[in-house]
Amino acid sequence: MSGLVSPRQTIPDERAVPLLVVDAMREAVGAANVRTSDADCGAGIVVTPSSAAEIAAVVRICRQNEVPVVPQGGKTGLVGGDVSWPGEIVLSMARMNRIERLDPLERVAVVGAGVTLEALQTAAREHRLEPGIDLAARGSATIGGMVSTNAGGVMAFRNGVMRHRVLGLEAVLADGSVYSDLTRVVKNSAGYDLKHLFIGAEGTLGIVTRVAVKLDPSPRATATALFGLPSVEAALRTTRLALESDAGHLRAAEAMWTSYFSLAAAAHEWSERSVPLDQPLFLLLSLGGARESALREDFERIYLETMQQYPEATGIIADSRRQEDDLWRLREDTSVLYRAHPHAPSFDVSVPLSEIPAYLDRILPGLAAVEPDLAPYVFGHLADGNLHIILNRRGPLAPDVAIAVERVLYQQLGEIGGSFSAEHGVGSKRIHSLLATADPTKLDAMERVKRALDERSIMNPDKVLPRDAWFVRSSSPSPSGNENRLPPKNTSDLDDE
């Protein structure tokens, strides 16, 4: 069957996907793997293939009939990267969930795009290995989705982001061909390294189907400590002391400013006499090494050296796995923000470490100038400068307030070497931010790559770039006064990293 049908032959309701397209999908992947109504999907049609060949067949049908296809992983994205609309096909990677190879000598795993991070972590742990990346949504985030968004997480300062963990990958292109480069070695200088086109592209250039992931030895022991500190400078200095550990290596350095930490502590009924809640900033550190006793001793050294410079510093070293888990729950369970501020507007920025104090000194009064009681909850990955900023509001901001808030948060970020999107991507919610802040030459190159690989714009359309980005940029005014930029939309996603 060619898959070509008349656009007038549609499913008997308001949906715009032609009925014979759906029939062609059923033939390609099996009728049981095509659902024509789904509460999680605006399009109402979800296709669940089990191989790259089946995905390629689906994409060819979509291309022939100019039906957009929206890939979907664990649905943990925060910027609308998997949003679908009537007339689009959602391509679920749920059946692409096999760990095909895990070689402890190579320290490499080859996995399907639908494998969750937690599943890979569990399998690797049997060989005392780990994928070198971790994030709070590990139980549902899929490797394919993490590749597509170039996910970061708590270990990025040490091991890099997902881009640095991928040795090779397989992807289906917009014409239905299969790009296969499942290289399992670090050194590969054989021509253009095209896998990087798909990493961070959010499914707009191709659909990642399999990934070769680099694994690292996991430490035999870990230790966790929480510090209450008077300033960002103190937290950065304490982090530096942990980076210089002789007993092991720093695995995580997570900062929580007092408003967030107090909210989390209250929600979890957590308290500790040695860590009063009146400190400006709290720093959660994790060390990994050969012996837990040595790691704990090194934390004691770090605490004493920090106290010498900052006498007001406080802290606690976890003395059990339960206490360690309790401390990490304070950082990772961001659902406390959902309960306090449903659908609170959130932002995900990267700031060079040396610029963080000045950045916060600028945005805090800047937000208050927009609205007197507008204040952020701030937390994030201090060692790499990734800050999550959640506003104390319920629901979306008014359009004029949203524009003013983004001006405060994004002003000069590019000039100081930062980014408006650290690890959550662009999706559909941050397109306006990309168009408003990116170098025009970069945008032009992105548009040319998109047109070259997906000239019909069927691959996750209106994500990262609008379908007619070059027209939109030339005809829309900028909220910051720069020409050729889109105004921002309201944002209501909540960070879960």
Foldseek 3Di string as FASTA:
>chain_A
DQLDDDQVQCDPDDFRAHPSLQVQLCVLANVVQWFQADPVAQQSIEGEHQDLLSVLSNLQSCLNHVQFEFEDELPPFFFALRHHHGRHYYYYDQNQADFPDQDLVLQKTKGWQRHFQVNQQVVQVVSQKHLQADFLVRVRHGNQQQQQQQFHHFQCLPQNTSVSFFPFFWWQFNNSDIDGDADSDDDDPPPDPCSNVRGNNSFLGTRTTMTMTHMGRHFPDKWKKKKQAADLVLLVVLVVLQCPDPAFHWRGKKKWALVLLVLLCVVVVDDDPQDDSPGGMMIMTMGGHHDPVSVVVSVVVSVVVSCVVGVVMTMDIDPDVVSVVVVVCSVQVCCSVCVQANLFFKFKKAAPLVCVVVLVVQLQVQLCVLPVPWGWGWMGGNSRRIIMTTINHHHWDDQVSVQSNCCSNVPCQVVRPMGRHDRSHCRQQNLLVCQQDPDPVVVVVVVVSSCVRNVSSSGSANTNAHPPNVVQQQPAQESVRDHSGHRHDIHRGHDRD
